[in-house]
Amino acid sequence: MSITKTRQKLIEVARDLFAHQGLESTTMNDIALASGRGRRTLYTYFRSKEEIYYAVIEEELGMLSAKLDEVAAMDVEPEQKIQALVFTHLREIRETVARNGSLRAEFFRNIWMVEKVRKRFDLEEHETLRRVLQEGVDKGRFRIEHVGLMVDIIFYTIKGLEVPYIYNRLGDGLTEDEAYAHVRAILGRMLNMPAAQA
């Protein structure tokens, strides 16, 4: 088995164990046994359980990043892209956390670990938002004076909405469609889009 495939197998096994047993209850020995590899092989790729946890988070964020890249590459107007980027980010984060069982608790308990791993992803998402906003300005679809500031506002707003969105606390009493309609209206006002576009 190639180095890449062996490492990937270890990450998948660790993800399953973390999801069912939690990070704290899973040991390096558990991962070695469940993967059918010896401890020596495991330590060849990862120095600690935390390092494997980082790799699991990186892989999940990589999948989210790929989804956002797909959105940014769509052949639609910039206002549709920016809305889709916001909604895709929130949906994918919620699905990632839900899919990983006990990792849901770890995600919130060890948020500093998640933040450490997601720095590169955050930079990529920030750049994607900047490109889409600049495209909207260049096409006359957005009327904003400072693209960089607007990117920061949208980026940090999305991050701030993650936890309430995951826990279904976003827009108490609203359906998801109703909440999305409000978000679209807010984005339209923020970006000074003509009313018909918002």
Protein backbone atom coordinates (compact mmCIF):
# COMPACT_ATOMS: atom_id res chain seq x y z
CA MET A 1 0.00 0.00 0.00
CA SER A 2 1.38 3.43 -0.91
CA ILE A 3 2.33 6.03 1.69
CA THR A 4 -0.61 8.21 0.69
CA LYS A 5 -3.12 5.36 0.90
CA THR A 6 -1.78 4.17 4.25
CA ARG A 7 -1.97 7.66 5.71
CA GLN A 8 -5.49 8.12 4.32
CA LYS A 9 -6.60 4.81 5.81
CA LEU A 10 -5.29 5.87 9.23
CA ILE A 11 -7.16 9.18 9.00
CA GLU A 12 -10.42 7.43 8.04
CA VAL A 13 -10.11 4.93 10.90
CA ALA A 14 -9.28 7.72 13.36
CA ARG A 15 -12.28 9.77 12.14
CA ASP A 16 -14.62 6.83 12.76
CA LEU A 17 -13.19 6.18 16.22
CA PHE A 18 -13.28 9.86 17.18
CA ALA A 19 -16.87 10.07 15.92
CA HIS A 20 -18.03 7.06 17.96
CA GLN A 21 -15.81 7.21 21.05
CA GLY A 22 -14.76 10.85 21.19
CA LEU A 23 -11.25 12.26 21.04
CA GLU A 24 -10.46 11.76 24.72
CA SER A 25 -11.54 8.10 24.82
CA THR A 26 -9.65 7.09 21.68
CA THR A 27 -6.03 5.99 22.03
CA MET A 28 -3.24 5.60 19.51
CA ASN A 29 -3.44 1.87 20.20
CA ASP A 30 -7.16 1.86 19.30
CA ILE A 31 -6.33 3.51 15.97
CA ALA A 32 -3.49 1.08 15.24
CA LEU A 33 -5.69 -1.95 16.03
CA ALA A 34 -8.73 -0.72 14.10
CA SER A 35 -6.60 0.09 11.04
CA GLY A 36 -4.92 -3.32 11.01
CA ARG A 37 -1.54 -1.56 11.19
CA GLY A 38 0.99 -1.74 13.97
CA ARG A 39 1.77 1.11 16.33
CA ARG A 40 5.09 1.58 14.55
CA THR A 41 3.30 2.27 11.26
CA LEU A 42 0.92 4.67 12.99
CA TYR A 43 3.80 6.60 14.59
CA THR A 44 5.55 6.77 11.22
CA TYR A 45 2.76 9.05 10.01
CA PHE A 46 1.55 10.75 13.19
CA ARG A 47 3.40 11.67 16.37
CA SER A 48 0.26 11.94 18.50
CA LYS A 49 -3.49 11.54 18.60
CA GLU A 50 -3.85 15.31 18.35
CA GLU A 51 -1.88 15.28 15.10
CA ILE A 52 -4.32 12.74 13.65
CA TYR A 53 -7.22 14.87 14.89
CA TYR A 54 -5.74 17.85 13.03
CA ALA A 55 -5.48 15.71 9.89
CA VAL A 56 -9.16 14.71 10.23
CA ILE A 57 -10.20 18.37 10.57
CA GLU A 58 -7.98 19.37 7.63
CA GLU A 59 -9.61 16.74 5.45
CA GLU A 60 -13.11 17.90 6.42
CA LEU A 61 -12.16 21.51 5.72
CA GLY A 62 -10.65 20.41 2.41
CA MET A 63 -14.03 19.01 1.38
CA LEU A 64 -15.70 22.29 2.38
CA SER A 65 -13.07 24.24 0.45
CA ALA A 66 -13.72 22.13 -2.66
CA LYS A 67 -17.47 22.88 -2.40
CA LEU A 68 -16.79 26.62 -2.12
CA ASP A 69 -14.46 26.43 -5.14
CA GLU A 70 -17.30 24.82 -7.12
CA VAL A 71 -19.61 27.68 -6.14
CA ALA A 72 -17.03 30.34 -7.05
CA ALA A 73 -16.58 28.70 -10.47
CA MET A 74 -20.31 28.68 -11.30
CA ASP A 75 -21.37 30.57 -14.40
CA VAL A 76 -23.84 32.83 -12.58
CA GLU A 77 -23.96 36.47 -11.57
CA PRO A 78 -21.79 37.57 -8.62
CA GLU A 79 -24.79 38.18 -6.33
CA GLN A 80 -25.86 34.56 -6.79
CA LYS A 81 -22.32 33.41 -6.08
CA ILE A 82 -21.94 35.42 -2.88
CA GLN A 83 -25.26 34.14 -1.57
CA ALA A 84 -24.37 30.57 -2.51
CA LEU A 85 -20.97 30.91 -0.79
CA VAL A 86 -22.64 31.97 2.47
CA PHE A 87 -25.28 29.24 2.40
CA THR A 88 -22.87 26.53 1.24
CA HIS A 89 -20.40 27.37 4.01
CA LEU A 90 -23.06 27.15 6.72
CA ARG A 91 -24.68 23.98 5.37
CA GLU A 92 -21.38 22.18 4.89
CA ILE A 93 -20.09 23.09 8.36
CA ARG A 94 -23.32 21.81 9.93
CA GLU A 95 -23.21 18.59 7.88
CA THR A 96 -19.55 18.04 8.76
CA VAL A 97 -20.16 18.37 12.47
CA ALA A 98 -23.34 16.24 12.36
CA ARG A 99 -21.64 13.55 10.25
CA ASN A 100 -18.87 13.13 12.78
CA GLY A 101 -20.96 12.12 15.80
CA SER A 102 -18.97 12.63 19.01
CA LEU A 103 -16.71 15.04 17.17
CA ARG A 104 -19.60 17.48 17.43
CA ALA A 105 -18.81 17.93 21.13
CA GLU A 106 -15.07 18.00 20.43
CA PHE A 107 -15.59 20.68 17.78
CA PHE A 108 -17.00 23.04 20.39
CA ARG A 109 -14.93 21.93 23.39
CA ASN A 110 -11.67 22.20 21.46
CA ILE A 111 -12.55 25.10 19.21
CA TRP A 112 -9.01 26.48 19.60
CA MET A 113 -7.68 23.27 18.02
CA VAL A 114 -10.11 23.65 15.13
CA GLU A 115 -9.13 27.31 14.72
CA LYS A 116 -5.44 26.37 14.60
CA VAL A 117 -6.04 23.90 11.77
CA ARG A 118 -8.43 26.07 9.77
CA LYS A 119 -6.09 29.05 9.31
CA ARG A 120 -5.08 28.03 5.78
CA PHE A 121 -8.68 27.25 4.86
CA ASP A 122 -9.82 30.62 6.22
CA LEU A 123 -7.24 32.43 4.07
CA GLU A 124 -8.47 30.58 0.99
CA GLU A 125 -12.11 31.36 1.74
CA HIS A 126 -11.24 35.01 2.38
CA GLU A 127 -9.57 35.19 -1.04
CA THR A 128 -12.55 33.50 -2.73
CA LEU A 129 -14.93 36.06 -1.21
CA ARG A 130 -12.63 38.88 -2.32
CA ARG A 131 -12.59 37.62 -5.92
CA VAL A 132 -16.38 37.31 -6.07
CA LEU A 133 -16.94 40.75 -4.54
CA GLN A 134 -14.43 42.34 -6.91
CA GLU A 135 -16.14 40.60 -9.82
CA GLY A 136 -19.44 42.09 -8.66
CA VAL A 137 -17.92 45.58 -8.42
CA ASP A 138 -16.28 45.25 -11.84
CA LYS A 139 -19.59 44.18 -13.40
CA GLY A 140 -21.48 46.99 -11.67
CA ARG A 141 -23.57 44.50 -9.69
CA PHE A 142 -22.25 45.65 -6.27
CA ARG A 143 -21.77 49.24 -5.23
CA ILE A 144 -19.25 49.10 -2.38
CA GLU A 145 -16.39 51.47 -1.67
CA HIS A 146 -13.92 49.16 0.06
CA VAL A 147 -13.86 45.54 -1.11
CA GLY A 148 -11.35 44.43 1.54
CA LEU A 149 -13.48 45.72 4.41
CA MET A 150 -16.64 44.14 2.99
CA VAL A 151 -14.81 40.81 2.62
CA ASP A 152 -13.84 40.97 6.31
CA ILE A 153 -17.40 41.81 7.36
CA ILE A 154 -18.93 38.94 5.38
CA PHE A 155 -16.19 36.48 6.33
CA TYR A 156 -16.40 37.12 10.08
CA THR A 157 -20.19 37.21 9.98
CA ILE A 158 -20.26 33.74 8.39
CA LYS A 159 -17.86 32.40 11.03
CA GLY A 160 -19.94 33.96 13.78
CA LEU A 161 -23.09 32.27 12.46
CA GLU A 162 -21.59 28.76 12.43
CA VAL A 163 -22.43 27.73 16.00
CA PRO A 164 -26.02 29.05 16.07
CA TYR A 165 -26.59 27.54 12.60
CA ILE A 166 -25.26 24.13 13.68
CA TYR A 167 -27.57 24.19 16.70
CA ASN A 168 -30.55 25.44 14.64
CA ARG A 169 -30.70 28.67 16.61
CA LEU A 170 -30.50 30.99 13.64
CA GLY A 171 -33.72 32.98 13.26
CA ASP A 172 -35.84 31.54 16.05
CA GLY A 173 -39.18 30.43 14.60
CA LEU A 174 -38.10 30.85 10.97
CA THR A 175 -37.87 28.02 8.49
CA GLU A 176 -34.53 27.63 6.74
CA ASP A 177 -36.02 29.10 3.54
CA GLU A 178 -37.33 32.13 5.44
CA ALA A 179 -33.96 32.64 7.13
CA TYR A 180 -32.22 32.42 3.74
CA ALA A 181 -34.61 35.01 2.30
CA HIS A 182 -33.66 37.41 5.10
CA VAL A 183 -29.95 36.72 4.59
CA ARG A 184 -30.34 37.43 0.86
CA ALA A 185 -32.05 40.73 1.66
CA ILE A 186 -29.31 41.70 4.13
CA LEU A 187 -26.59 40.88 1.60
CA GLY A 188 -28.43 42.94 -1.02
CA ARG A 189 -28.45 45.97 1.28
CA MET A 190 -24.83 45.49 2.37
CA LEU A 191 -23.59 45.28 -1.20
CA ASN A 192 -25.90 48.05 -2.45
CA MET A 193 -27.37 45.81 -5.09
CA PRO A 194 -30.30 47.15 -7.09
CA ALA A 195 -33.55 45.92 -5.51
CA ALA A 196 -34.30 43.52 -8.36
CA GLN A 197 -30.99 41.73 -7.81
CA ALA A 198 -31.15 41.32 -4.03
